[in-house]
């Protein structure tokens, strides 16, 4: 099996950001997502460009939302992580910062 392409990572990150926009609102979500170096996000939450290691960008995005919302964000991220096979392959559980 080939590793996911950048377009797969963009789709994954876009989905997460857009879901957080519904929960936290667009202004806060976009500000946090745009704090992640290497991630370019459009006003609608679409990830238009990624630069660097995708795993580091995913972790950076997780860190931004966890800093902001603590437990409010931890549960959805944990559930998302458990349900996403591709993400599990990229970030083994010992590297994932959120536990149930």
C-alpha atoms as a PDB file:
ATOM      1  CA  UNK A   1       0.000   0.000   0.000  1.00  0.00           C
ATOM      2  CA  UNK A   2       1.316   3.442  -0.931  1.00  0.00           C
ATOM      3  CA  UNK A   3       1.557   6.215   1.654  1.00  0.00           C
ATOM      4  CA  UNK A   4      -1.239   8.794   1.448  1.00  0.00           C
ATOM      5  CA  UNK A   5      -0.623  11.638  -0.996  1.00  0.00           C
ATOM      6  CA  UNK A   6      -0.653  15.297   0.037  1.00  0.00           C
ATOM      7  CA  UNK A   7      -4.199  15.546  -1.344  1.00  0.00           C
ATOM      8  CA  UNK A   8      -5.288  12.882   1.165  1.00  0.00           C
ATOM      9  CA  UNK A   9      -3.757  14.867   4.005  1.00  0.00           C
ATOM     10  CA  UNK A  10      -5.365  18.071   2.739  1.00  0.00           C
ATOM     11  CA  UNK A  11      -8.778  16.379   2.697  1.00  0.00           C
ATOM     12  CA  UNK A  12      -8.280  14.978   6.183  1.00  0.00           C
ATOM     13  CA  UNK A  13      -7.117  18.289   7.636  1.00  0.00           C
ATOM     14  CA  UNK A  14      -9.866  20.196   5.813  1.00  0.00           C
ATOM     15  CA  UNK A  15     -12.518  17.904   7.271  1.00  0.00           C
ATOM     16  CA  UNK A  16     -11.197  18.369  10.791  1.00  0.00           C
ATOM     17  CA  UNK A  17     -10.896  22.147  10.469  1.00  0.00           C
ATOM     18  CA  UNK A  18     -14.375  22.530   9.010  1.00  0.00           C
ATOM     19  CA  UNK A  19     -15.875  20.425  11.813  1.00  0.00           C
ATOM     20  CA  UNK A  20     -14.093  22.566  14.380  1.00  0.00           C
ATOM     21  CA  UNK A  21     -15.475  25.683  12.651  1.00  0.00           C
ATOM     22  CA  UNK A  22     -18.977  24.448  13.470  1.00  0.00           C
ATOM     23  CA  UNK A  23     -18.039  23.803  17.105  1.00  0.00           C
ATOM     24  CA  UNK A  24     -15.734  26.732  17.879  1.00  0.00           C
ATOM     25  CA  UNK A  25     -16.736  29.207  15.186  1.00  0.00           C
ATOM     26  CA  UNK A  26     -14.801  30.193  12.081  1.00  0.00           C
ATOM     27  CA  UNK A  27     -12.728  33.031  13.547  1.00  0.00           C
ATOM     28  CA  UNK A  28     -11.204  31.037  16.391  1.00  0.00           C
ATOM     29  CA  UNK A  29     -10.767  27.880  14.327  1.00  0.00           C
ATOM     30  CA  UNK A  30      -9.085  29.646  11.429  1.00  0.00           C
ATOM     31  CA  UNK A  31      -6.792  31.568  13.757  1.00  0.00           C
ATOM     32  CA  UNK A  32      -5.675  28.348  15.437  1.00  0.00           C
ATOM     33  CA  UNK A  33      -5.282  26.429  12.164  1.00  0.00           C
ATOM     34  CA  UNK A  34      -3.265  29.263  10.668  1.00  0.00           C
ATOM     35  CA  UNK A  35      -0.906  29.142  13.653  1.00  0.00           C
ATOM     36  CA  UNK A  36       0.362  25.804  12.359  1.00  0.00           C
ATOM     37  CA  UNK A  37       3.529  26.493  10.388  1.00  0.00           C
ATOM     38  CA  UNK A  38       3.324  24.842   6.968  1.00  0.00           C
ATOM     39  CA  UNK A  39      -0.470  24.836   6.795  1.00  0.00           C
ATOM     40  CA  UNK A  40      -2.282  27.257   4.476  1.00  0.00           C
ATOM     41  CA  UNK A  41      -6.019  27.461   5.136  1.00  0.00           C
ATOM     42  CA  UNK A  42      -8.668  29.305   3.101  1.00  0.00           C
ATOM     43  CA  UNK A  43     -11.471  31.274   4.762  1.00  0.00           C
ATOM     44  CA  UNK A  44     -13.891  28.347   4.309  1.00  0.00           C
ATOM     45  CA  UNK A  45     -11.552  25.997   6.200  1.00  0.00           C
ATOM     46  CA  UNK A  46     -10.147  24.286   3.128  1.00  0.00           C
ATOM     47  CA  UNK A  47      -6.471  23.379   3.401  1.00  0.00           C
ATOM     48  CA  UNK A  48      -5.001  24.729   0.175  1.00  0.00           C
ATOM     49  CA  UNK A  49      -1.342  23.928   0.811  1.00  0.00           C
ATOM     50  CA  UNK A  50       0.810  21.896   3.140  1.00  0.00           C
ATOM     51  CA  UNK A  51       4.562  22.222   3.542  1.00  0.00           C
ATOM     52  CA  UNK A  52       6.612  19.850   5.664  1.00  0.00           C
ATOM     53  CA  UNK A  53       5.905  16.505   7.241  1.00  0.00           C
ATOM     54  CA  UNK A  54       2.150  15.785   7.224  1.00  0.00           C
ATOM     55  CA  UNK A  55       2.394  13.991  10.581  1.00  0.00           C
ATOM     56  CA  UNK A  56       3.927  17.104  12.146  1.00  0.00           C
ATOM     57  CA  UNK A  57       1.163  19.276  10.674  1.00  0.00           C
ATOM     58  CA  UNK A  58      -1.525  16.963  12.049  1.00  0.00           C
ATOM     59  CA  UNK A  59       0.130  17.035  15.463  1.00  0.00           C
ATOM     60  CA  UNK A  60       0.480  20.815  15.284  1.00  0.00           C
ATOM     61  CA  UNK A  61      -3.208  21.196  14.519  1.00  0.00           C
ATOM     62  CA  UNK A  62      -4.156  18.867  17.354  1.00  0.00           C
ATOM     63  CA  UNK A  63      -1.935  20.843  19.721  1.00  0.00           C
ATOM     64  CA  UNK A  64      -3.529  24.152  18.714  1.00  0.00           C
ATOM     65  CA  UNK A  65      -7.061  22.933  19.385  1.00  0.00           C
ATOM     66  CA  UNK A  66      -6.154  21.148  22.618  1.00  0.00           C
ATOM     67  CA  UNK A  67      -4.463  24.304  23.946  1.00  0.00           C
ATOM     68  CA  UNK A  68      -7.597  26.252  23.171  1.00  0.00           C
ATOM     69  CA  UNK A  69     -10.304  23.971  24.403  1.00  0.00           C
ATOM     70  CA  UNK A  70      -8.739  21.299  26.562  1.00  0.00           C
ATOM     71  CA  UNK A  71     -11.185  18.531  27.296  1.00  0.00           C
ATOM     72  CA  UNK A  72     -13.838  19.907  24.939  1.00  0.00           C
ATOM     73  CA  UNK A  73     -11.600  19.076  21.988  1.00  0.00           C
ATOM     74  CA  UNK A  74      -9.834  16.025  23.403  1.00  0.00           C
ATOM     75  CA  UNK A  75     -12.833  13.716  23.185  1.00  0.00           C
ATOM     76  CA  UNK A  76     -13.723  14.388  19.519  1.00  0.00           C
ATOM     77  CA  UNK A  77     -10.056  14.120  18.526  1.00  0.00           C
ATOM     78  CA  UNK A  78      -9.703  10.836  20.381  1.00  0.00           C
ATOM     79  CA  UNK A  79     -12.795   9.448  18.692  1.00  0.00           C
ATOM     80  CA  UNK A  80     -11.606  10.769  15.322  1.00  0.00           C
ATOM     81  CA  UNK A  81      -8.230   9.137  15.851  1.00  0.00           C
ATOM     82  CA  UNK A  82      -9.745   5.787  16.777  1.00  0.00           C
ATOM     83  CA  UNK A  83     -12.005   5.800  13.719  1.00  0.00           C
ATOM     84  CA  UNK A  84      -9.465   6.906  11.134  1.00  0.00           C
ATOM     85  CA  UNK A  85      -7.379   4.015   9.926  1.00  0.00           C
ATOM     86  CA  UNK A  86      -4.959   6.152   7.930  1.00  0.00           C
ATOM     87  CA  UNK A  87      -4.254   8.433  10.852  1.00  0.00           C
ATOM     88  CA  UNK A  88      -3.606   5.459  13.123  1.00  0.00           C
ATOM     89  CA  UNK A  89      -0.956   4.243  10.703  1.00  0.00           C
ATOM     90  CA  UNK A  90       0.698   7.669  10.680  1.00  0.00           C
ATOM     91  CA  UNK A  91       0.584   8.336  14.416  1.00  0.00           C
ATOM     92  CA  UNK A  92       0.909   5.146  16.466  1.00  0.00           C
ATOM     93  CA  UNK A  93      -0.946   5.285  19.813  1.00  0.00           C
ATOM     94  CA  UNK A  94       2.256   5.790  21.803  1.00  0.00           C
ATOM     95  CA  UNK A  95       2.815   9.036  19.880  1.00  0.00           C
ATOM     96  CA  UNK A  96      -0.752  10.286  20.107  1.00  0.00           C
ATOM     97  CA  UNK A  97      -1.089  12.835  22.924  1.00  0.00           C
ATOM     98  CA  UNK A  98      -4.724  12.215  23.790  1.00  0.00           C
ATOM     99  CA  UNK A  99      -5.965   9.232  25.770  1.00  0.00           C
ATOM    100  CA  UNK A 100      -9.462   8.366  26.807  1.00  0.00           C
END
